[in-house]
C-alpha atoms as a PDB file:
ATOM      1  CA  MET A   1       5.613 -12.878  49.616  1.00  0.00           C
ATOM      2  CA  LYS A   2       7.068 -16.562  48.926  1.00  0.00           C
ATOM      3  CA  LYS A   3       3.643 -18.001  49.496  1.00  0.00           C
ATOM      4  CA  TYR A   4       2.179 -15.498  46.700  1.00  0.00           C
ATOM      5  CA  GLY A   5       5.027 -16.512  44.329  1.00  0.00           C
ATOM      6  CA  SER A   6       4.195 -19.958  44.550  1.00  0.00           C
ATOM      7  CA  ILE A   7       0.322 -19.353  43.978  1.00  0.00           C
ATOM      8  CA  ILE A   8       1.264 -17.345  41.016  1.00  0.00           C
ATOM      9  CA  LEU A   9       3.580 -20.084  39.598  1.00  0.00           C
ATOM     10  CA  VAL A  10       0.779 -22.840  40.217  1.00  0.00           C
ATOM     11  CA  LEU A  11      -1.814 -20.543  38.470  1.00  0.00           C
ATOM     12  CA  SER A  12       0.555 -19.933  35.622  1.00  0.00           C
ATOM     13  CA  LEU A  13       1.247 -23.597  35.006  1.00  0.00           C
ATOM     14  CA  ALA A  14      -2.573 -24.689  35.343  1.00  0.00           C
ATOM     15  CA  PHE A  15      -3.306 -21.800  32.786  1.00  0.00           C
ATOM     16  CA  ALA A  16      -0.519 -22.816  30.422  1.00  0.00           C
ATOM     17  CA  GLY A  17      -2.020 -26.756  30.810  1.00  0.00           C
ATOM     18  CA  ILE A  18      -5.467 -25.663  30.039  1.00  0.00           C
ATOM     19  CA  ILE A  19      -4.030 -23.715  26.740  1.00  0.00           C
ATOM     20  CA  LEU A  20      -2.212 -26.807  25.605  1.00  0.00           C
ATOM     21  CA  ILE A  21      -5.026 -29.322  26.148  1.00  0.00           C
ATOM     22  CA  GLY A  22      -7.290 -26.949  24.113  1.00  0.00           C
ATOM     23  CA  CYS A  23      -4.974 -26.590  21.155  1.00  0.00           C
ATOM     24  CA  ALA A  24      -4.288 -30.478  21.102  1.00  0.00           C
ATOM     25  CA  THR A  25      -8.078 -31.052  20.928  1.00  0.00           C
ATOM     26  CA  THR A  26      -8.950 -28.540  18.200  1.00  0.00           C
ATOM     27  CA  GLN A  27      -9.353 -29.216  14.538  1.00  0.00           C
ATOM     28  CA  GLN A  28      -8.275 -26.822  11.884  1.00  0.00           C
ATOM     29  CA  SER A  29     -11.506 -25.695  10.678  1.00  0.00           C
ATOM     30  CA  ALA A  30     -12.859 -22.597   8.556  1.00  0.00           C
ATOM     31  CA  ALA A  31     -16.378 -23.940   8.317  1.00  0.00           C
ATOM     32  CA  ILE A  32     -17.719 -22.403  11.337  1.00  0.00           C
ATOM     33  CA  GLY A  33     -21.202 -20.752  10.835  1.00  0.00           C
ATOM     34  CA  PRO A  34     -23.362 -20.802   7.916  1.00  0.00           C
ATOM     35  CA  PRO A  35     -21.861 -21.201   4.274  1.00  0.00           C
ATOM     36  CA  PRO A  36     -21.071 -18.323   2.426  1.00  0.00           C
ATOM     37  CA  PRO A  37     -22.866 -17.624  -0.507  1.00  0.00           C
ATOM     38  CA  ASN A  38     -21.959 -19.328  -3.752  1.00  0.00           C
ATOM     39  CA  SER A  39     -19.341 -21.379  -1.961  1.00  0.00           C
ATOM     40  CA  GLY A  40     -18.399 -25.221  -1.737  1.00  0.00           C
ATOM     41  CA  ARG A  41     -16.745 -27.045   1.049  1.00  0.00           C
ATOM     42  CA  LEU A  42     -13.468 -28.605   1.206  1.00  0.00           C
ATOM     43  CA  ILE A  43     -12.646 -31.380   3.727  1.00  0.00           C
ATOM     44  CA  VAL A  44      -9.093 -32.705   3.962  1.00  0.00           C
ATOM     45  CA  ASP A  45      -8.115 -35.693   6.355  1.00  0.00           C
ATOM     46  CA  ARG A  46      -4.649 -36.570   7.565  1.00  0.00           C
ATOM     47  CA  GLU A  47      -4.511 -40.372   7.460  1.00  0.00           C
ATOM     48  CA  ALA A  48      -4.227 -41.814  10.854  1.00  0.00           C
ATOM     49  CA  ASN A  49      -0.753 -43.486   9.938  1.00  0.00           C
ATOM     50  CA  PHE A  50       0.636 -40.348   8.324  1.00  0.00           C
ATOM     51  CA  GLY A  51       3.622 -40.222  10.727  1.00  0.00           C
ATOM     52  CA  SER A  52       3.577 -38.728  14.424  1.00  0.00           C
ATOM     53  CA  GLY A  53       6.654 -36.782  13.654  1.00  0.00           C
ATOM     54  CA  LEU A  54       5.398 -35.081  10.313  1.00  0.00           C
ATOM     55  CA  VAL A  55       2.881 -32.136   9.934  1.00  0.00           C
ATOM     56  CA  LEU A  56       0.827 -31.919   6.839  1.00  0.00           C
ATOM     57  CA  ILE A  57       0.647 -28.367   5.675  1.00  0.00           C
ATOM     58  CA  LEU A  58      -2.207 -27.517   3.488  1.00  0.00           C
ATOM     59  CA  SER A  59      -2.028 -24.149   1.219  1.00  0.00           C
ATOM     60  CA  ILE A  60      -4.994 -22.923  -0.842  1.00  0.00           C
ATOM     61  CA  ASP A  61      -4.215 -20.417  -3.809  1.00  0.00           C
ATOM     62  CA  GLY A  62      -0.763 -19.672  -2.213  1.00  0.00           C
ATOM     63  CA  LYS A  63      -1.895 -19.190   1.417  1.00  0.00           C
ATOM     64  CA  ASP A  64      -1.174 -21.618   4.278  1.00  0.00           C
ATOM     65  CA  VAL A  65      -4.692 -22.334   5.634  1.00  0.00           C
ATOM     66  CA  ALA A  66      -3.809 -25.408   7.963  1.00  0.00           C
ATOM     67  CA  THR A  67      -1.139 -27.166   9.864  1.00  0.00           C
ATOM     68  CA  LEU A  68      -2.435 -30.747  10.530  1.00  0.00           C
ATOM     69  CA  THR A  69      -0.967 -33.091  13.172  1.00  0.00           C
ATOM     70  CA  ALA A  70      -2.587 -36.453  14.278  1.00  0.00           C
ATOM     71  CA  GLY A  71      -6.151 -36.754  14.405  1.00  0.00           C
ATOM     72  CA  GLN A  72      -6.642 -33.249  12.922  1.00  0.00           C
ATOM     73  CA  ASN A  73      -8.353 -32.213   9.445  1.00  0.00           C
ATOM     74  CA  TYR A  74      -9.314 -29.142   7.557  1.00  0.00           C
ATOM     75  CA  ASN A  75     -12.846 -28.179   7.212  1.00  0.00           C
ATOM     76  CA  GLY A  76     -13.548 -25.085   5.317  1.00  0.00           C
ATOM     77  CA  TYR A  77     -15.422 -23.108   2.645  1.00  0.00           C
ATOM     78  CA  LEU A  78     -14.203 -21.991  -0.754  1.00  0.00           C
ATOM     79  CA  SER A  79     -15.726 -19.663  -3.144  1.00  0.00           C
ATOM     80  CA  ALA A  80     -17.059 -21.343  -6.195  1.00  0.00           C
ATOM     81  CA  GLY A  81     -14.360 -21.444  -9.094  1.00  0.00           C
ATOM     82  CA  GLN A  82     -10.977 -22.733  -9.730  1.00  0.00           C
ATOM     83  CA  HIS A  83      -8.645 -23.171  -6.801  1.00  0.00           C
ATOM     84  CA  THR A  84      -4.991 -24.501  -6.385  1.00  0.00           C
ATOM     85  CA  VAL A  85      -4.504 -26.740  -3.267  1.00  0.00           C
ATOM     86  CA  ILE A  86      -0.890 -27.791  -2.071  1.00  0.00           C
ATOM     87  CA  ALA A  87      -0.193 -30.537   0.402  1.00  0.00           C
ATOM     88  CA  ARG A  88       3.280 -30.668   1.826  1.00  0.00           C
ATOM     89  CA  VAL A  89       5.114 -32.286   4.646  1.00  0.00           C
ATOM     90  CA  ASP A  90       6.903 -30.601   7.657  1.00  0.00           C
ATOM     91  CA  PRO A  91       9.918 -31.621   8.254  1.00  0.00           C
ATOM     92  CA  TYR A  92      10.858 -31.982   4.853  1.00  0.00           C
ATOM     93  CA  GLN A  93      11.460 -35.559   3.695  1.00  0.00           C
ATOM     94  CA  ALA A  94      14.182 -36.157   1.125  1.00  0.00           C
ATOM     95  CA  GLY A  95      12.577 -37.024  -2.257  1.00  0.00           C
ATOM     96  CA  THR A  96       9.127 -36.044  -1.365  1.00  0.00           C
ATOM     97  CA  SER A  97       7.699 -33.327  -3.519  1.00  0.00           C
ATOM     98  CA  PRO A  98       4.562 -31.257  -2.469  1.00  0.00           C
ATOM     99  CA  VAL A  99       1.335 -32.398  -4.042  1.00  0.00           C
ATOM    100  CA  LYS A 100      -0.652 -29.739  -6.222  1.00  0.00           C
ATOM    101  CA  LYS A 101      -4.381 -30.164  -6.999  1.00  0.00           C
ATOM    102  CA  THR A 102      -6.439 -27.841  -9.038  1.00  0.00           C
ATOM    103  CA  LEU A 103     -10.015 -27.965  -7.845  1.00  0.00           C
ATOM    104  CA  THR A 104     -13.198 -26.598  -9.679  1.00  0.00           C
ATOM    105  CA  ILE A 105     -15.402 -25.748  -6.738  1.00  0.00           C
ATOM    106  CA  LYS A 106     -19.212 -25.734  -7.485  1.00  0.00           C
ATOM    107  CA  ALA A 107     -21.603 -24.093  -5.016  1.00  0.00           C
ATOM    108  CA  GLY A 108     -23.266 -26.176  -2.451  1.00  0.00           C
ATOM    109  CA  GLN A 109     -20.991 -29.210  -3.217  1.00  0.00           C
ATOM    110  CA  THR A 110     -18.580 -30.922  -0.813  1.00  0.00           C
ATOM    111  CA  TYR A 111     -15.171 -32.102  -1.885  1.00  0.00           C
ATOM    112  CA  SER A 112     -13.270 -34.397   0.442  1.00  0.00           C
ATOM    113  CA  TYR A 113      -9.772 -35.792   0.191  1.00  0.00           C
ATOM    114  CA  THR A 114      -7.286 -37.612   2.187  1.00  0.00           C
ATOM    115  CA  ALA A 115      -3.571 -36.958   2.517  1.00  0.00           C
ATOM    116  CA  SER A 116      -1.617 -40.201   2.746  1.00  0.00           C
ATOM    117  CA  TRP A 117       1.778 -42.204   1.940  1.00  0.00           C
ATOM    118  CA  THR A 118       2.159 -44.597  -0.865  1.00  0.00           C
ATOM    119  CA  GLY A 119       5.642 -45.780  -0.433  1.00  0.00           C
ATOM    120  CA  GLN A 120       7.932 -42.568  -0.361  1.00  0.00           C
ATOM    121  CA  ASN A 121       5.243 -40.544  -2.020  1.00  0.00           C
ATOM    122  CA  LEU A 122       2.818 -38.048  -0.565  1.00  0.00           C
ATOM    123  CA  VAL A 123      -0.888 -38.877  -2.086  1.00  0.00           C
ATOM    124  CA  PHE A 124      -3.772 -36.376  -1.920  1.00  0.00           C
ATOM    125  CA  ALA A 125      -6.622 -38.610  -2.880  1.00  0.00           C
ATOM    126  CA  LYS A 126     -10.357 -37.708  -3.266  1.00  0.00           C
ATOM    127  CA  ASN A 127     -12.569 -39.813  -1.102  1.00  0.00           C
ATOM    128  CA  GLN A 128     -15.449 -41.934  -2.494  1.00  0.00           C
ATOM    129  CA  GLY A 129     -18.529 -39.805  -3.294  1.00  0.00           C
ATOM    130  CA  GLN A 130     -16.497 -36.654  -3.565  1.00  0.00           C
ATOM    131  CA  THR A 131     -19.022 -34.356  -4.521  1.00  0.00           C
ATOM    132  CA  VAL A 132     -22.244 -34.142  -2.537  1.00  0.00           C
ATOM    133  CA  PRO A 133     -24.807 -31.368  -1.642  1.00  0.00           C
ATOM    134  CA  THR A 134     -23.909 -29.605   1.508  1.00  0.00           C
ATOM    135  CA  TYR A 135     -26.506 -27.256   2.095  1.00  0.00           C
END
């Protein structure tokens, strides 16, 4: 019986390791498959020096859509029209307010932003060449 208990323990640890490795290498992405009709693409990068102990939480229209750690980004489609995007930091940093952007999405366009720090302020800035055809 002791032999089977050891085998189960080893298999459980191996399975847990595989899950952790898979989670660590994935990106927060909602852009899998063909784009929905009448939609645009939103890409949000978390700057490399954002902070290893900090998580960037991204909300769109009041719903959390991504929790980004080091090396991750958000890549998803939004319906054409106006959307409210909020970027905030967890754990909360004293004196830091969430950043709120109102975006007007046009079908077939890509909108690219980067979340970073300027001093003690969280910044959500559009990348150069912000809107380009995606499909």
